[in-house]
Amino acid sequence: MALSHLLPPALLVGLAAASLALGSCSSPNNDSQSIAVAAGPDSTAAMFNTAPANSPLQVVAEFTGPQMVGVAVAPGGQVFACFPRWDHNPVYPIALVGPNNTLTPYPDANWCTWTDSVKNEPQKHWICPQTVHTDKSGMVWVLDPASPGIKGTVPGGPKLVKTDPKTRRVLLTIPFPESVAPRKSYLNDVRIDLQNNYAYLTESGTGALVVVDLKTNKSRRLLDTHPSTKAEKGLVIKAEGHSMLDPEGKPAEFNADGIALSADNNYLYYCPLTGHTLYRIKTAALRDASLSAAQLGQQVENLGTIPATDGMEIDAANNVYLTSFEQSALVRRTPDGKIETLVKDPRLQWPDTYSFTADGNLYVANSAIHKMPTWNKGVGQPRPPFRIFKMALPK
């Protein structure tokens, strides 16, 4: 998830330097070494730890910090988590989650290092990864917008990286030029189309879609002037009834964020986070470089009203799953447009991203974005641990 203008200006100024100077990933001597992260509730978060009696959610892992936004599960059950460099400096921005809430750097400790000593190698290190995603072949992809504190991209840093979880090797690194990922951009989420050998991305910083031809590694920025990729003006989104207003009292404006690829790879579904509208477009149109911006815009379909959502996924029956952060709920939209609530649970403090597994489980991570100082007049609020949940995928 998310997104532009998360942090107050004073904090942003310091974070750009801090993300280098603090020695972001204090790497262990052995890459296979794990660290245990403080887990479980503290006294201020105890109120968030009671599960409803009928909740199907099981806790897979939980961390008191730093902030976690994403989860991906590879074949065989390996669980990966994503910790962006927003207002904290995670030791392992991308990590393999082990027993007892332990984390191992992924693919290794060197990739997790972002300090002055490696700043001349922005394509070989996680700068501010936002998404970890598993494709249908089991490969793990990491999308790095390379914007610490969401202050602006590090030159040469934005990239999409393909890895093999079995060997923990980097197989492919695709850099994004500034024409595709400009300084104020924030590449947010990705889906991989193995049938057509393409990647589709959302860009939430200024609002756009990005497509990547995986045969040539060439990328194009699309729909960056179309209303479907932009925050809905005048809308005040909420979480737990709390209005998302910045320190100046302005409503949060989060652009294109959630994304899902239909089971047959024919349609890409997406939405702005600040919005209540779901859109889709034929992937063939996104791949057609001969279409003008106006012609491509005419291909966008408005599918109607949905709850404000962060993460999105889709099942084999083309039910679109939405993380409804305003309701602390997981919901899905059926192909005929019906919205069904799957689970409502107070522990879903801003449910963020999904990962589905072949054995029929749904994983979801919570990021508690509404508890950040930015949205609370500079004062962070008590919150539960950041958790990874799983449940059986409903029939």
Protein backbone atom coordinates (compact mmCIF):
# COMPACT_ATOMS: atom_id res chain seq x y z
CA MET A 1 0.00 0.00 0.00
CA ALA A 2 0.65 3.50 0.39
CA LEU A 3 1.66 6.36 -0.32
CA SER A 4 2.30 9.96 -0.93
CA HIS A 5 2.26 12.52 1.86
CA LEU A 6 2.34 9.95 4.64
CA LEU A 7 4.86 11.83 6.74
CA PRO A 8 5.05 15.38 8.09
CA PRO A 9 7.47 17.71 6.26
CA ALA A 10 9.89 18.08 9.17
CA LEU A 11 10.24 14.33 9.49
CA LEU A 12 10.68 13.90 5.76
CA VAL A 13 13.61 16.31 5.67
CA GLY A 14 15.50 14.31 8.26
CA LEU A 15 14.58 10.88 7.00
CA ALA A 16 16.28 11.14 3.63
CA ALA A 17 19.60 11.59 5.37
CA ALA A 18 18.77 9.19 8.16
CA SER A 19 17.94 6.39 5.77
CA LEU A 20 21.58 6.43 4.71
CA ALA A 21 23.33 7.57 7.86
CA LEU A 22 21.70 5.17 10.29
CA GLY A 23 23.07 2.10 8.59
CA SER A 24 19.66 0.83 7.68
CA CYS A 25 20.36 -2.87 7.63
CA SER A 26 22.79 -3.82 10.32
CA SER A 27 23.67 -7.06 8.61
CA PRO A 28 24.55 -10.18 10.59
CA ASN A 29 27.81 -11.88 9.78
CA ASN A 30 25.99 -14.86 8.33
CA ASP A 31 23.17 -14.30 5.84
CA SER A 32 21.32 -17.35 7.14
CA GLN A 33 21.22 -15.89 10.63
CA SER A 34 17.81 -14.77 11.83
CA ILE A 35 16.74 -12.10 14.24
CA ALA A 36 13.85 -12.27 16.64
CA VAL A 37 11.61 -9.22 16.45
CA ALA A 38 9.82 -7.96 19.53
CA ALA A 39 6.47 -9.63 19.28
CA GLY A 40 3.15 -9.65 21.02
CA PRO A 41 1.16 -6.86 22.62
CA ASP A 42 2.45 -4.12 24.87
CA SER A 43 0.27 -2.51 27.50
CA THR A 44 -0.95 0.22 25.16
CA ALA A 45 -2.08 -2.26 22.53
CA ALA A 46 -3.82 -4.81 24.73
CA MET A 47 -7.23 -3.51 23.69
CA PHE A 48 -6.63 -4.65 20.11
CA ASN A 49 -5.76 -8.28 20.85
CA THR A 50 -9.12 -9.88 21.44
CA ALA A 51 -10.37 -11.88 18.49
CA PRO A 52 -14.11 -12.11 17.91
CA ALA A 53 -15.37 -15.58 18.80
CA ASN A 54 -16.35 -16.31 15.21
CA SER A 55 -13.31 -14.80 13.46
CA PRO A 56 -11.71 -17.17 10.93
CA LEU A 57 -8.41 -15.26 11.09
CA GLN A 58 -5.37 -17.06 12.47
CA VAL A 59 -2.24 -15.12 13.45
CA VAL A 60 0.79 -16.34 11.47
CA ALA A 61 3.25 -13.79 12.85
CA GLU A 62 3.25 -10.46 14.65
CA PHE A 63 5.78 -7.68 15.20
CA THR A 64 5.70 -4.61 17.41
CA GLY A 65 7.76 -2.81 14.79
CA PRO A 66 8.89 -1.52 12.39
CA GLN A 67 5.86 -0.91 10.21
CA MET A 68 4.95 -3.79 7.89
CA VAL A 69 2.85 -3.33 4.76
CA GLY A 70 3.04 -6.47 2.66
CA VAL A 71 3.03 -10.27 2.65
CA ALA A 72 3.66 -12.94 0.03
CA VAL A 73 3.60 -16.71 0.34
CA ALA A 74 5.65 -18.93 -1.97
CA PRO A 75 4.92 -22.56 -2.84
CA GLY A 76 5.97 -24.73 0.06
CA GLY A 77 4.74 -22.19 2.57
CA GLN A 78 7.60 -19.69 2.75
CA VAL A 79 6.19 -16.39 4.05
CA PHE A 80 7.79 -13.08 3.08
CA ALA A 81 7.13 -9.68 4.62
CA CYS A 82 7.84 -6.14 3.45
CA PHE A 83 8.93 -3.30 5.77
CA PRO A 84 9.34 0.00 3.84
CA ARG A 85 11.65 2.80 4.96
CA TRP A 86 8.99 5.30 5.92
CA ASP A 87 9.46 6.75 9.39
CA HIS A 88 11.45 3.76 10.67
CA ASN A 89 14.68 2.15 9.55
CA PRO A 90 14.01 -1.61 9.24
CA VAL A 91 16.93 -3.97 9.59
CA TYR A 92 15.47 -6.23 6.93
CA PRO A 93 13.15 -4.36 4.50
CA ILE A 94 12.38 -7.69 2.81
CA ALA A 95 12.46 -10.70 5.07
CA LEU A 96 11.62 -14.37 5.25
CA VAL A 97 9.34 -14.94 8.24
CA GLY A 98 10.30 -17.89 10.39
CA PRO A 99 8.97 -19.57 13.54
CA ASN A 100 8.44 -17.44 16.64
CA ASN A 101 8.35 -14.19 14.64
CA THR A 102 11.94 -14.45 13.47
CA LEU A 103 13.12 -12.67 10.33
CA THR A 104 15.87 -13.61 7.89
CA PRO A 105 17.10 -11.06 5.31
CA TYR A 106 15.95 -11.74 1.77
CA PRO A 107 17.52 -12.55 -0.55
CA ASP A 108 20.53 -11.77 1.68
CA ALA A 109 21.84 -9.19 4.10
CA ASN A 110 23.70 -7.28 1.41
CA TRP A 111 20.48 -6.55 -0.47
CA CYS A 112 19.01 -5.24 2.79
CA THR A 113 21.85 -2.77 3.27
CA TRP A 114 21.27 0.86 2.30
CA THR A 115 23.99 3.11 3.69
CA ASP A 116 26.50 5.68 2.46
CA SER A 117 28.86 2.82 1.64
CA VAL A 118 26.54 1.42 -1.05
CA LYS A 119 24.74 4.53 -2.31
CA ASN A 120 26.50 4.18 -5.68
CA GLU A 121 24.73 0.82 -6.19
CA PRO A 122 21.02 1.73 -6.05
CA GLN A 123 20.05 -1.22 -8.25
CA LYS A 124 21.61 -3.78 -5.90
CA HIS A 125 19.93 -2.86 -2.61
CA TRP A 126 16.45 -2.39 -1.17
CA ILE A 127 16.03 1.36 -0.73
CA CYS A 128 12.34 1.55 0.22
CA PRO A 129 10.63 -1.63 -1.01
CA GLN A 130 6.85 -1.41 -1.08
CA THR A 131 5.63 -4.75 -2.39
CA VAL A 132 6.60 -8.41 -2.26
CA HIS A 133 4.57 -10.62 -4.61
CA THR A 134 4.60 -14.27 -5.70
CA ASP A 135 3.69 -15.11 -9.29
CA LYS A 136 1.95 -18.30 -10.42
CA SER A 137 5.27 -20.03 -11.12
CA GLY A 138 6.41 -19.44 -7.54
CA MET A 139 8.92 -16.69 -8.23
CA VAL A 140 9.06 -13.83 -5.71
CA TRP A 141 9.04 -10.27 -7.07
CA VAL A 142 9.93 -7.13 -5.10
CA LEU A 143 8.87 -3.66 -6.22
CA ASP A 144 11.10 -0.90 -4.87
CA PRO A 145 9.89 2.68 -5.53
CA ALA A 146 13.19 3.80 -3.93
CA SER A 147 11.66 6.76 -2.11
CA PRO A 148 12.71 6.71 1.57
CA GLY A 149 10.14 8.51 3.67
CA ILE A 150 8.25 9.04 0.40
CA LYS A 151 10.33 12.17 -0.02
CA GLY A 152 11.40 11.51 -3.59
CA THR A 153 13.03 8.76 -5.58
CA VAL A 154 16.73 8.02 -5.22
CA PRO A 155 18.23 8.50 -8.71
CA GLY A 156 18.64 5.13 -10.39
CA GLY A 157 16.84 3.37 -7.54
CA PRO A 158 13.28 2.49 -8.72
CA LYS A 159 13.24 -1.14 -9.80
CA LEU A 160 11.35 -4.41 -10.10
CA VAL A 161 13.32 -7.46 -9.01
CA LYS A 162 12.61 -11.13 -9.69
CA THR A 163 14.00 -13.71 -7.26
CA ASP A 164 13.93 -17.48 -6.83
CA PRO A 165 12.87 -18.32 -3.26
CA LYS A 166 14.38 -21.80 -3.49
CA THR A 167 17.89 -20.56 -4.25
CA ARG A 168 17.50 -17.03 -2.84
CA ARG A 169 19.10 -15.69 -5.99
CA VAL A 170 18.21 -12.54 -7.90
CA LEU A 171 17.22 -13.57 -11.42
CA LEU A 172 16.30 -10.23 -12.98
CA THR A 173 16.46 -6.54 -12.09
CA ILE A 174 14.43 -4.09 -14.14
CA PRO A 175 15.28 -0.41 -13.61
CA PHE A 176 12.72 2.31 -14.27
CA PRO A 177 13.81 5.52 -16.00
CA GLU A 178 12.70 8.86 -14.60
CA SER A 179 10.22 9.19 -17.47
CA VAL A 180 8.36 6.20 -15.99
CA ALA A 181 9.13 6.75 -12.30
CA PRO A 182 9.57 10.51 -11.85
CA ARG A 183 10.94 12.02 -8.65
CA LYS A 184 7.53 12.33 -6.98
CA SER A 185 6.40 8.88 -8.04
CA TYR A 186 5.80 5.95 -5.71
CA LEU A 187 5.57 2.59 -7.46
CA ASN A 188 3.11 0.70 -5.32
CA ASP A 189 1.98 -2.77 -6.37
CA VAL A 190 2.61 -5.29 -9.14
CA ARG A 191 1.02 -8.27 -10.88
CA ILE A 192 2.82 -10.63 -13.23
CA ASP A 193 1.20 -11.92 -16.44
CA LEU A 194 3.13 -15.08 -17.30
CA GLN A 195 0.95 -15.80 -20.35
CA ASN A 196 1.91 -12.57 -22.12
CA ASN A 197 5.20 -12.03 -20.27
CA TYR A 198 4.24 -8.62 -18.89
CA ALA A 199 4.16 -6.90 -15.52
CA TYR A 200 1.48 -4.37 -14.55
CA LEU A 201 2.06 -1.83 -11.77
CA THR A 202 0.26 0.95 -9.95
CA GLU A 203 2.01 4.24 -9.18
CA SER A 204 0.39 6.00 -6.24
CA GLY A 205 2.62 9.05 -5.85
CA THR A 206 1.20 11.02 -8.76
CA GLY A 207 -1.26 8.47 -10.12
CA ALA A 208 -0.59 6.18 -13.10
CA LEU A 209 -0.29 2.61 -14.31
CA VAL A 210 3.01 1.21 -15.54
CA VAL A 211 3.44 -1.75 -17.88
CA VAL A 212 6.66 -3.69 -18.36
CA ASP A 213 7.46 -5.94 -21.31
CA LEU A 214 9.40 -8.71 -19.57
CA LYS A 215 10.87 -9.84 -22.88
CA THR A 216 12.67 -6.52 -23.38
CA ASN A 217 12.48 -5.01 -19.85
CA LYS A 218 11.08 -1.85 -21.44
CA SER A 219 8.46 0.01 -19.42
CA ARG A 220 5.78 2.57 -20.23
CA ARG A 221 3.82 4.97 -18.01
CA LEU A 222 0.10 5.01 -18.82
CA LEU A 223 -3.18 6.70 -17.81
CA ASP A 224 -1.26 9.34 -15.84
CA THR A 225 -3.84 11.98 -16.73
CA HIS A 226 -6.89 9.74 -16.46
CA PRO A 227 -9.26 10.18 -13.48
CA SER A 228 -9.27 6.43 -12.78
CA THR A 229 -5.71 6.62 -11.43
CA LYS A 230 -6.33 9.71 -9.29
CA ALA A 231 -7.65 10.24 -5.76
CA GLU A 232 -11.30 11.26 -5.68
CA LYS A 233 -11.36 14.95 -4.83
CA GLY A 234 -13.20 15.99 -1.70
CA LEU A 235 -13.42 12.47 -0.28
CA VAL A 236 -12.30 12.08 3.35
CA ILE A 237 -11.39 8.45 3.97
CA LYS A 238 -11.56 7.09 7.50
CA ALA A 239 -10.32 4.15 9.54
CA GLU A 240 -12.05 3.20 12.79
CA GLY A 241 -14.07 6.37 12.26
CA HIS A 242 -10.91 8.50 12.31
CA SER A 243 -10.70 10.99 9.43
CA MET A 244 -7.44 10.85 7.51
CA LEU A 245 -6.34 14.50 7.62
CA ASP A 246 -2.77 15.71 7.34
CA PRO A 247 -1.19 18.19 9.83
CA GLU A 248 -2.68 21.08 7.83
CA GLY A 249 -6.15 19.54 7.97
CA LYS A 250 -6.17 18.48 4.32
CA PRO A 251 -7.76 15.13 3.40
CA ALA A 252 -5.38 12.35 2.44
CA GLU A 253 -5.12 11.97 -1.34
CA PHE A 254 -3.84 8.52 -2.28
CA ASN A 255 -3.80 7.66 -5.97
CA ALA A 256 -3.77 4.33 -7.87
CA ASP A 257 -2.93 1.61 -5.39
CA GLY A 258 -4.81 -1.71 -5.31
CA ILE A 259 -4.36 -3.98 -8.32
CA ALA A 260 -5.50 -7.45 -9.40
CA LEU A 261 -5.11 -9.51 -12.55
CA SER A 262 -8.03 -11.66 -13.73
CA ALA A 263 -7.58 -15.42 -13.76
CA ASP A 264 -7.37 -15.47 -17.56
CA ASN A 265 -4.97 -12.47 -17.64
CA ASN A 266 -7.43 -10.55 -19.83
CA TYR A 267 -8.32 -7.77 -17.37
CA LEU A 268 -6.46 -5.62 -14.89
CA TYR A 269 -8.55 -4.32 -11.98
CA TYR A 270 -7.37 -1.28 -10.00
CA CYS A 271 -8.52 1.62 -7.85
CA PRO A 272 -7.21 4.74 -6.14
CA LEU A 273 -6.95 4.27 -2.38
CA THR A 274 -8.77 7.56 -1.80
CA GLY A 275 -11.82 6.45 -3.68
CA HIS A 276 -14.90 4.26 -3.71
CA THR A 277 -14.74 3.21 -7.36
CA LEU A 278 -13.37 0.05 -8.98
CA TYR A 279 -11.97 0.18 -12.51
CA ARG A 280 -10.72 -2.38 -14.98
CA ILE A 281 -9.09 -2.34 -18.39
CA LYS A 282 -8.20 -5.02 -20.92
CA THR A 283 -4.56 -5.98 -20.59
CA ALA A 284 -4.34 -6.17 -24.37
CA ALA A 285 -5.02 -2.43 -24.45
CA LEU A 286 -2.27 -1.79 -21.91
CA ARG A 287 0.14 -3.78 -24.06
CA ASP A 288 -0.81 -1.94 -27.26
CA ALA A 289 1.76 0.82 -27.64
CA SER A 290 -0.03 2.17 -30.74
CA LEU A 291 -2.96 3.49 -28.68
CA SER A 292 -2.96 7.19 -27.87
CA ALA A 293 -3.60 8.35 -24.31
CA ALA A 294 -7.15 9.27 -25.28
CA GLN A 295 -7.77 5.92 -26.98
CA LEU A 296 -6.43 4.03 -23.98
CA GLY A 297 -8.56 6.09 -21.61
CA GLN A 298 -11.64 5.07 -23.59
CA GLN A 299 -10.85 1.44 -22.73
CA VAL A 300 -11.23 2.03 -18.97
CA GLU A 301 -14.39 0.52 -17.47
CA ASN A 302 -16.06 1.94 -14.35
CA LEU A 303 -17.35 -1.05 -12.36
CA GLY A 304 -19.16 0.97 -9.74
CA THR A 305 -18.93 1.56 -6.02
CA ILE A 306 -16.71 -0.41 -3.63
CA PRO A 307 -15.48 0.25 -0.10
CA ALA A 308 -12.25 2.25 0.10
CA THR A 309 -9.54 -0.39 -0.26
CA ASP A 310 -5.80 -0.76 -0.07
CA GLY A 311 -4.84 -4.25 -1.20
CA MET A 312 -6.67 -6.23 -3.85
CA GLU A 313 -6.59 -9.78 -5.18
CA ILE A 314 -8.73 -12.03 -7.36
CA ASP A 315 -9.63 -15.73 -7.32
CA ALA A 316 -10.24 -18.27 -10.07
CA ALA A 317 -13.93 -17.32 -10.20
CA ASN A 318 -13.00 -13.63 -10.67
CA ASN A 319 -14.26 -12.56 -7.26
CA VAL A 320 -12.29 -9.41 -6.42
CA TYR A 321 -11.09 -9.35 -2.81
CA LEU A 322 -10.71 -5.95 -1.15
CA THR A 323 -9.08 -4.95 2.12
CA SER A 324 -11.72 -2.60 3.50
CA PHE A 325 -9.67 -0.51 5.93
CA GLU A 326 -12.57 1.82 6.76
CA GLN A 327 -14.52 -1.14 8.17
CA SER A 328 -11.61 -3.21 9.58
CA ALA A 329 -12.89 -5.91 7.27
CA LEU A 330 -12.09 -8.17 4.34
CA VAL A 331 -14.72 -8.11 1.60
CA ARG A 332 -15.11 -9.38 -1.92
CA ARG A 333 -16.95 -8.19 -5.01
CA THR A 334 -18.61 -10.95 -7.02
CA PRO A 335 -18.57 -10.79 -10.83
CA ASP A 336 -22.17 -9.52 -10.75
CA GLY A 337 -21.15 -6.58 -8.54
CA LYS A 338 -22.37 -7.80 -5.16
CA ILE A 339 -20.21 -6.84 -2.15
CA GLU A 340 -19.86 -9.61 0.44
CA THR A 341 -18.22 -9.21 3.86
CA LEU A 342 -15.93 -12.14 4.62
CA VAL A 343 -14.74 -11.11 8.06
CA LYS A 344 -14.90 -8.05 10.26
CA ASP A 345 -12.33 -8.05 13.05
CA PRO A 346 -10.96 -5.18 15.19
CA ARG A 347 -7.48 -6.68 14.79
CA LEU A 348 -7.63 -5.74 11.09
CA GLN A 349 -6.05 -2.36 11.75
CA TRP A 350 -5.81 -1.07 8.18
CA PRO A 351 -5.64 -4.42 6.36
CA ASP A 352 -3.13 -3.80 3.63
CA THR A 353 -2.20 -6.53 1.15
CA TYR A 354 -3.29 -10.06 0.27
CA SER A 355 -1.51 -13.21 -0.81
CA PHE A 356 -3.38 -16.32 -1.95
CA THR A 357 -1.89 -19.81 -1.84
CA ALA A 358 -2.48 -22.86 -4.00
CA ASP A 359 -3.77 -24.83 -1.00
CA GLY A 360 -6.71 -22.45 -0.63
CA ASN A 361 -5.54 -20.02 2.04
CA LEU A 362 -5.76 -16.24 2.08
CA TYR A 363 -3.00 -14.29 3.85
CA VAL A 364 -3.30 -10.62 4.74
CA ALA A 365 -1.08 -8.09 6.52
CA ASN A 366 -2.14 -5.03 8.52
CA SER A 367 -0.19 -1.76 8.48
CA ALA A 368 -2.10 0.53 10.91
CA ILE A 369 -1.44 3.54 8.68
CA HIS A 370 -4.15 5.56 10.41
CA LYS A 371 -2.18 5.35 13.68
CA MET A 372 0.84 7.17 12.23
CA PRO A 373 1.73 10.65 13.53
CA THR A 374 0.97 12.20 10.13
CA TRP A 375 -2.73 11.53 10.52
CA ASN A 376 -2.90 12.34 14.23
CA LYS A 377 -1.56 15.89 14.52
CA GLY A 378 2.00 14.63 14.87
CA VAL A 379 1.36 12.13 17.65
CA GLY A 380 1.44 8.40 16.93
CA GLN A 381 -1.48 6.51 18.43
CA PRO A 382 -1.57 3.23 20.40
CA ARG A 383 -1.86 0.34 17.98
CA PRO A 384 -1.73 -3.44 17.96
CA PRO A 385 1.27 -5.37 16.65
CA PHE A 386 1.67 -5.52 12.90
CA ARG A 387 0.28 -8.93 12.07
CA ILE A 388 0.14 -11.46 9.26
CA PHE A 389 -3.16 -13.36 9.30
CA LYS A 390 -4.42 -16.31 7.31
CA MET A 391 -7.81 -17.89 6.74
CA ALA A 392 -9.34 -20.43 4.38
CA LEU A 393 -10.32 -18.84 1.09
CA PRO A 394 -14.15 -18.75 1.12
CA LYS A 395 -15.99 -20.82 -1.47
